Protein backbone atom coordinates (compact mmCIF):
# COMPACT_ATOMS: atom_id res chain seq x y z
CA MET A 1 -31.38 9.51 -13.37
CA LYS A 2 -33.60 11.89 -15.22
CA THR A 3 -36.84 11.87 -13.21
CA ALA A 4 -38.03 11.47 -9.66
CA LEU A 5 -39.46 8.12 -10.73
CA ASP A 6 -35.96 7.05 -11.77
CA ALA A 7 -34.72 7.90 -8.27
CA PHE A 8 -37.52 5.89 -6.68
CA HIS A 9 -36.78 2.98 -9.01
CA PHE A 10 -33.11 3.10 -7.99
CA LEU A 11 -34.10 2.94 -4.31
CA CYS A 12 -36.33 -0.07 -5.07
CA LEU A 13 -33.36 -1.80 -6.71
CA VAL A 14 -31.22 -1.11 -3.63
CA GLU A 15 -33.97 -2.57 -1.46
CA GLY A 16 -34.11 -5.69 -3.63
CA LYS A 17 -30.35 -6.13 -3.45
CA LEU A 18 -30.36 -5.74 0.34
CA MET A 19 -33.19 -8.25 0.68
CA SER A 20 -31.22 -10.75 -1.43
CA ILE A 21 -28.13 -10.18 0.70
CA ARG A 22 -30.15 -10.70 3.88
CA ALA A 23 -31.63 -13.93 2.49
CA CYS A 24 -28.15 -15.25 1.67
CA GLN A 25 -26.97 -14.28 5.12
CA ARG A 26 -29.96 -15.96 6.78
CA LEU A 27 -29.41 -19.15 4.76
CA GLY A 28 -25.67 -19.18 5.43
CA LEU A 29 -24.77 -18.65 1.76
CA GLY A 30 -21.70 -16.64 0.82
CA LEU A 31 -20.38 -16.49 4.37
CA GLU A 32 -17.30 -18.65 3.89
CA ARG A 33 -13.90 -17.03 3.39
CA GLU A 34 -11.15 -18.25 1.09
CA ASP A 35 -8.65 -16.43 3.28
CA PRO A 36 -9.18 -15.15 6.83
CA THR A 37 -8.11 -11.64 5.77
CA GLU A 38 -10.56 -11.42 2.84
CA LEU A 39 -14.18 -10.37 2.88
CA ASN A 40 -16.85 -12.96 2.21
CA ASP A 41 -19.43 -12.62 -0.58
CA VAL A 42 -22.10 -11.14 1.71
CA GLU A 43 -19.72 -8.48 3.02
CA ASN A 44 -18.62 -7.61 -0.52
CA ALA A 45 -22.24 -7.31 -1.63
CA VAL A 46 -23.05 -5.02 1.31
CA ILE A 47 -20.09 -2.80 0.47
CA ASN A 48 -20.93 -2.62 -3.25
CA THR A 49 -24.56 -1.79 -2.56
CA GLY A 50 -23.58 0.73 0.12
CA GLU A 51 -21.24 2.50 -2.30
CA ALA A 52 -23.98 2.78 -4.91
CA PHE A 53 -26.35 4.13 -2.28
CA GLY A 54 -23.68 6.57 -1.07
CA GLY A 55 -23.39 7.98 -4.58
CA PHE A 56 -27.15 8.43 -4.68
CA LEU A 57 -27.10 10.25 -1.33
CA LEU A 58 -24.36 12.55 -2.56
CA VAL A 59 -26.37 13.46 -5.64
CA MET A 60 -29.30 14.18 -3.33
CA GLN A 61 -27.12 16.23 -1.01
CA TYR A 62 -25.96 18.43 -3.89
CA GLY A 63 -29.60 19.10 -4.74
CA TYR A 64 -29.63 17.35 -8.10
CA ILE A 65 -32.54 15.15 -7.06
CA SER A 66 -35.90 16.63 -6.21
CA THR A 67 -37.22 16.13 -2.70
CA LEU A 68 -38.42 12.58 -2.35
CA SER A 69 -42.10 11.85 -1.95
CA ALA A 70 -43.43 10.42 1.30
CA ASN A 71 -43.07 6.94 -0.22
CA GLY A 72 -39.48 7.69 -1.21
CA GLN A 73 -38.67 8.94 2.29
CA ALA A 74 -40.29 5.86 3.83
CA LEU A 75 -38.24 3.64 1.52
CA MET A 76 -35.03 5.46 2.53
CA ALA A 77 -35.88 4.86 6.22
CA HIS A 78 -36.56 1.19 5.43
CA LEU A 79 -33.17 0.91 3.68
CA ASP A 80 -31.43 2.24 6.79
CA THR A 81 -33.19 -0.35 8.95
CA LEU A 82 -32.59 -3.17 6.49
CA SER A 83 -28.90 -2.34 6.06
CA ALA A 84 -28.42 -2.10 9.84
CA ASP A 85 -29.93 -5.58 10.21
CA ILE A 86 -27.46 -7.00 7.68
CA HIS A 87 -24.17 -5.29 8.54
CA ALA A 88 -24.42 -1.71 9.76
CA SER A 89 -20.70 -0.96 9.99
CA TYR A 90 -19.82 -2.13 6.45
CA TRP A 91 -22.85 -0.30 5.06
CA ALA A 92 -21.87 2.95 6.78
CA GLN A 93 -18.22 2.64 5.72
CA ALA A 94 -19.09 1.95 2.10
CA ARG A 95 -21.67 4.72 1.94
CA GLY A 96 -19.23 7.24 3.41
CA ALA A 97 -16.30 6.05 1.31
CA ARG A 98 -18.25 6.59 -1.91
CA GLN A 99 -19.28 10.07 -0.86
CA ALA A 100 -15.71 10.98 0.12
CA ARG A 101 -14.24 9.66 -3.15
CA CYS A 102 -16.72 11.62 -5.20
CA ARG A 103 -16.14 14.80 -3.22
CA SER A 104 -12.37 14.49 -3.64
CA ARG A 105 -12.73 13.98 -7.39
CA HIS A 106 -15.27 16.80 -7.77
CA CYS A 107 -17.66 14.51 -9.61
CA ASP A 108 -19.67 16.21 -12.31
CA TRP A 109 -23.06 14.57 -11.81
CA ARG A 110 -24.64 16.43 -14.74
CA ALA A 111 -22.05 15.09 -17.15
CA ARG A 112 -22.63 11.56 -15.85
CA GLY A 113 -26.35 11.78 -16.53
CA LEU A 114 -27.25 11.40 -12.87
CA VAL A 115 -29.03 14.72 -12.54
CA ILE A 116 -32.77 15.09 -12.13
CA GLY A 117 -34.40 18.33 -13.13
CA THR A 118 -32.67 21.61 -13.82
CA THR A 119 -31.36 22.51 -10.39
CA ALA A 120 -28.29 24.70 -10.67
């Protein structure tokens, strides 16, 4: 992410993914399990999206992303509501797991090209 617009675009993509997951859930698609101990497709999608979002939040937390605009903040609030409607506990676990993994590995966000601006 190189610009604030890139960050907003990423949040829009997360919203689209969550809306698709919710539609599948509402229609009963991807809810069957091959094995009782495995996650279904909807749960896997929530976890994958939550991990991506967790990485974004970590980059924000480290100050590599400029403060979001009012629209960006409203979209973040909407994502929290939307994710809670789908599967709040998996979303929270995935989001936190991604942040913890990146902290333990001391991720270099600048080297990965995920930095916006020139914040030190």
